[in-house]
Protein backbone atom coordinates (compact mmCIF):
# COMPACT_ATOMS: atom_id res chain seq x y z
CA MET A 1 -87.58 -15.31 -4.35
CA SER A 2 -87.69 -12.00 -6.19
CA ASP A 3 -86.50 -11.39 -9.75
CA ARG A 4 -83.61 -9.36 -8.33
CA ASP A 5 -82.39 -12.28 -6.20
CA GLU A 6 -82.54 -14.66 -9.18
CA LYS A 7 -80.51 -12.28 -11.30
CA GLU A 8 -77.80 -11.77 -8.65
CA ALA A 9 -77.45 -15.53 -8.25
CA GLU A 10 -76.01 -15.69 -11.75
CA PHE A 11 -72.86 -13.79 -10.77
CA ILE A 12 -69.93 -14.27 -8.44
CA ILE A 13 -68.54 -10.96 -7.24
CA SER A 14 -64.85 -10.38 -8.10
CA ASP A 15 -64.55 -13.78 -9.78
CA ARG A 16 -62.95 -13.40 -13.22
CA ARG A 17 -62.90 -17.12 -14.02
CA PRO A 18 -65.08 -18.44 -16.87
CA ARG A 19 -68.41 -19.80 -15.57
CA TYR A 20 -69.52 -23.23 -16.79
CA ASP A 21 -72.23 -23.82 -14.19
CA LEU A 22 -74.85 -21.45 -15.65
CA ASP A 23 -77.86 -22.85 -17.45
CA GLU A 24 -77.51 -20.74 -20.56
CA THR A 25 -77.40 -21.47 -24.26
CA PRO A 26 -74.90 -19.73 -26.59
CA SER A 27 -77.76 -17.78 -28.16
CA SER A 28 -79.09 -16.54 -24.85
CA ARG A 29 -75.62 -15.35 -23.84
CA GLU A 30 -75.30 -13.44 -27.12
CA ASP A 31 -78.71 -11.79 -26.56
CA GLN A 32 -77.71 -10.80 -23.04
CA LYS A 33 -74.40 -9.38 -24.29
CA LYS A 34 -76.21 -7.15 -26.78
CA ASP A 35 -78.57 -5.78 -24.11
CA THR A 36 -75.93 -5.36 -21.39
CA PRO A 37 -74.01 -2.07 -21.08
CA ALA A 38 -70.22 -2.37 -21.34
CA ASP A 39 -69.63 -1.49 -17.68
CA GLU A 40 -72.08 -4.18 -16.45
CA ARG A 41 -70.64 -7.16 -18.29
CA THR A 42 -69.52 -10.21 -16.36
CA GLY A 43 -65.91 -10.97 -15.58
CA THR A 44 -65.88 -13.64 -18.29
CA GLU A 45 -66.92 -11.15 -20.97
CA LYS A 46 -64.32 -8.66 -19.78
CA GLU A 47 -61.67 -11.35 -20.04
CA GLN A 48 -62.74 -12.08 -23.61
CA SER A 49 -62.62 -8.37 -24.38
CA PHE A 50 -59.04 -8.26 -23.06
CA ARG A 51 -57.98 -11.25 -25.15
CA ASP A 52 -59.59 -9.88 -28.31
CA GLY A 53 -58.06 -6.46 -27.76
CA SER A 54 -59.94 -3.61 -26.07
CA THR A 55 -60.26 -0.14 -27.56
CA ILE A 56 -57.87 1.30 -24.98
CA ARG A 57 -55.25 -1.37 -25.66
CA ASN A 58 -55.57 -0.92 -29.42
CA GLU A 59 -55.07 2.83 -29.11
CA LYS A 60 -51.90 2.35 -27.06
CA GLU A 61 -50.48 -0.20 -29.47
CA THR A 62 -50.92 1.72 -32.70
CA SER A 63 -47.23 2.67 -32.71
CA SER A 64 -45.86 -0.66 -31.42
CA THR A 65 -45.08 -3.78 -33.37
CA SER A 66 -47.06 -6.97 -33.03
CA SER A 67 -44.01 -8.89 -31.84
CA SER A 68 -43.65 -6.69 -28.75
CA SER A 69 -47.27 -7.21 -27.67
CA GLU A 70 -47.53 -10.94 -28.28
CA ALA A 71 -46.63 -13.48 -25.63
CA GLY A 72 -43.34 -15.23 -26.33
CA LEU A 73 -40.87 -17.70 -24.87
CA ASP A 74 -38.40 -14.89 -24.21
CA GLN A 75 -40.95 -13.34 -21.84
CA ILE A 76 -41.08 -16.57 -19.86
CA LEU A 77 -37.31 -16.49 -19.58
CA ALA A 78 -37.49 -12.88 -18.41
CA LEU A 79 -40.05 -13.80 -15.74
CA LEU A 80 -37.81 -16.60 -14.50
CA SER A 81 -34.91 -14.15 -14.26
CA GLY A 82 -37.19 -11.87 -12.25
CA MET A 83 -37.71 -14.71 -9.76
CA VAL A 84 -33.94 -15.04 -9.43
CA LEU A 85 -33.60 -11.33 -8.70
CA ASN A 86 -36.48 -11.48 -6.24
CA HIS A 87 -34.65 -14.10 -4.18
CA LEU A 88 -31.40 -12.12 -4.34
CA ALA A 89 -32.98 -8.74 -3.52
CA PHE A 90 -31.73 -6.36 -0.87
CA ASP A 91 -33.19 -3.33 0.87
CA PRO A 92 -31.66 -0.23 -0.80
CA GLU A 93 -32.10 1.81 2.39
CA THR A 94 -30.47 -0.58 4.85
CA ARG A 95 -28.30 -2.29 2.22
CA ARG A 96 -29.13 -5.61 3.80
CA PRO A 97 -30.82 -8.68 2.29
CA ALA A 98 -34.58 -8.33 1.80
CA PRO A 99 -36.98 -10.76 3.54
CA SER A 100 -37.31 -12.71 0.27
CA PHE A 101 -33.54 -13.33 0.07
CA ASN A 102 -32.88 -17.04 -0.46
CA ILE A 103 -29.78 -18.31 -2.26
CA ARG A 104 -31.15 -21.83 -2.63
CA GLU A 105 -34.34 -20.59 -4.29
CA ALA A 106 -32.33 -18.29 -6.58
CA ARG A 107 -30.12 -21.24 -7.56
CA PHE A 108 -33.24 -23.30 -8.34
CA PHE A 109 -34.59 -20.67 -10.74
CA LEU A 110 -31.17 -20.25 -12.35
CA GLY A 111 -31.13 -23.98 -13.02
CA LEU A 112 -34.66 -23.72 -14.35
CA MET A 113 -33.56 -21.00 -16.77
CA GLU A 114 -30.74 -23.20 -18.06
CA THR A 115 -33.15 -26.12 -18.53
CA PHE A 116 -35.56 -23.79 -20.33
CA GLN A 117 -32.79 -22.54 -22.64
CA GLU A 118 -31.79 -26.06 -23.62
CA ALA A 119 -35.37 -27.20 -24.20
CA PHE A 120 -36.23 -24.25 -26.47
CA ARG A 121 -32.80 -23.55 -27.91
CA ASP A 122 -34.12 -23.54 -31.49
CA LYS A 123 -36.95 -21.13 -30.65
CA LEU A 124 -35.15 -18.49 -28.59
CA PRO A 125 -33.14 -15.53 -29.94
CA VAL A 126 -29.43 -16.28 -30.27
CA SER A 127 -28.66 -13.43 -27.86
CA LEU A 128 -30.43 -15.34 -25.06
CA LEU A 129 -28.46 -18.56 -25.51
CA ASP A 130 -25.22 -19.62 -23.87
CA ASN A 131 -23.52 -20.77 -27.04
CA GLN A 132 -20.04 -20.15 -25.69
CA PRO A 133 -19.83 -21.04 -21.98
CA VAL A 134 -17.29 -19.03 -20.04
CA ASP A 135 -14.40 -21.12 -18.74
CA VAL A 136 -13.79 -20.53 -15.04
CA ASP A 137 -10.07 -20.51 -14.28
CA GLU A 138 -10.55 -21.36 -10.62
CA ALA A 139 -13.33 -22.34 -8.25
CA PRO A 140 -14.91 -19.59 -6.12
CA ARG A 141 -13.18 -19.06 -2.80
CA LEU A 142 -13.61 -16.70 0.11
CA GLY A 143 -10.71 -14.53 -1.02
CA HIS A 144 -12.73 -13.47 -4.05
CA ILE A 145 -15.27 -11.68 -1.83
CA PRO A 146 -13.00 -8.92 -0.46
CA ALA A 147 -11.46 -8.60 -3.92
CA ILE A 148 -14.91 -7.88 -5.35
CA LEU A 149 -15.69 -5.49 -2.49
CA GLY A 150 -12.42 -3.68 -3.13
CA GLY A 151 -13.21 -3.30 -6.81
CA MET A 152 -16.65 -1.96 -5.95
CA ALA A 153 -15.13 0.50 -3.46
CA ILE A 154 -12.80 1.89 -6.13
CA SER A 155 -15.68 2.00 -8.62
CA ALA A 156 -17.78 3.94 -6.08
CA LEU A 157 -15.00 6.53 -6.04
CA GLY A 158 -15.76 7.13 -9.71
CA VAL A 159 -12.80 5.18 -11.06
CA ASP A 160 -12.79 2.21 -13.40
CA PRO A 161 -10.96 -0.49 -11.38
CA ARG A 162 -9.63 -2.07 -14.58
CA THR A 163 -8.04 1.06 -16.04
CA GLY A 164 -7.70 3.37 -13.04
CA LYS A 165 -9.24 6.22 -15.04
CA PRO A 166 -11.87 8.55 -13.51
CA GLU A 167 -15.36 8.09 -14.94
CA ARG A 168 -17.73 10.04 -12.68
CA SER A 169 -18.05 11.94 -9.42
CA PRO A 170 -17.02 9.93 -6.36
CA ASP A 171 -19.53 8.56 -3.85
CA PHE A 172 -17.46 8.62 -0.67
CA GLU A 173 -20.26 7.29 1.53
CA SER A 174 -20.75 4.14 -0.55
CA SER A 175 -17.01 3.61 -0.91
CA LYS A 176 -16.48 3.89 2.85
CA LEU A 177 -19.20 1.31 3.48
CA LEU A 178 -17.58 -1.14 1.06
CA ILE A 179 -14.16 -0.69 2.67
CA ASP A 180 -15.75 -1.20 6.10
CA LEU A 181 -17.29 -4.40 4.76
CA MET A 182 -13.82 -5.58 3.75
CA ASP A 183 -12.67 -4.92 7.32
CA THR A 184 -15.68 -6.79 8.68
CA PHE A 185 -15.02 -9.72 6.38
CA LEU A 186 -11.41 -9.93 7.59
CA GLN A 187 -12.42 -9.79 11.26
CA GLU A 188 -15.27 -12.29 10.99
CA GLY A 189 -13.30 -14.59 8.69
CA GLU A 190 -10.29 -14.84 10.98
CA PRO A 191 -10.98 -18.48 11.95
CA VAL A 192 -11.59 -19.74 8.40
CA LEU A 193 -9.05 -17.76 6.35
CA GLY A 194 -5.53 -18.94 5.64
CA ALA A 195 -2.47 -16.83 6.44
CA GLU A 196 -1.83 -16.02 2.77
CA GLU A 197 -5.44 -14.93 2.20
CA LYS A 198 -5.35 -12.71 5.29
CA GLU A 199 -2.26 -10.89 4.08
CA TYR A 200 -3.79 -10.51 0.64
CA ILE A 201 -6.98 -9.01 2.10
CA LYS A 202 -5.06 -6.69 4.42
CA ASP A 203 -3.09 -5.38 1.47
CA MET A 204 -6.29 -4.72 -0.52
CA ILE A 205 -7.86 -2.90 2.43
CA TYR A 206 -4.77 -0.74 2.90
CA GLN A 207 -4.63 0.21 -0.77
CA ALA A 208 -8.37 1.00 -0.89
CA LYS A 209 -8.14 3.18 2.24
CA MET A 210 -5.10 5.07 0.96
CA TYR A 211 -6.78 5.73 -2.36
CA PHE A 212 -9.95 6.84 -0.57
CA VAL A 213 -8.09 9.32 1.64
CA SER A 214 -5.99 10.62 -1.26
CA LEU A 215 -9.01 11.27 -3.46
CA ARG A 216 -11.05 12.82 -0.64
CA ASP A 217 -8.22 15.19 0.27
CA ARG A 218 -7.78 16.12 -3.38
CA LYS A 219 -11.50 16.93 -3.68
CA SER A 220 -11.55 19.00 -0.50
CA GLN A 221 -8.56 21.05 -1.63
CA GLY A 222 -10.00 21.61 -5.08
């Protein structure tokens, strides 16, 4: 076996894990590190360089505080929230649930976040804690869905649903889609909705459509 083959046997290509199976002493590794150019170091040495702080990283962090660059429990909480969002994601182009959409998985990570908050309550910023739980007046029911869609439809028209005051330019396309979704919900929910809920939803749809037409006509005339 040639010297070149023996040397290549010491490395695993694209493996950044620390190697513990090499027959080397600490002193021999230090000697090799001194003689090895920076761009030829092993993955292990590059990992150590990253942990210690490379020149590039140090240059970028000259204006940032140490607290923003250090790993913290709040970052773990943020990553968990990212998992929730990942399982509740939708395709912005089709406006339909993404392939990763999974309510059960999202609920699992939400529960994990609550468990995490309780376990590290004394170590997390107060702003990240649920010190004052919100009291829910009533349990979620199907009638809340078209109500939310109606509020979103009015909001898409550039109006604050709570005050009725204009806030921005209307997005008629988005508002129309949301009103259509209210119609779809009413049609598909016919077998499971009560008579009172149906009348309530029909009234919301009528009001949303009238407001849509009124605002669109006003914009076209102006």
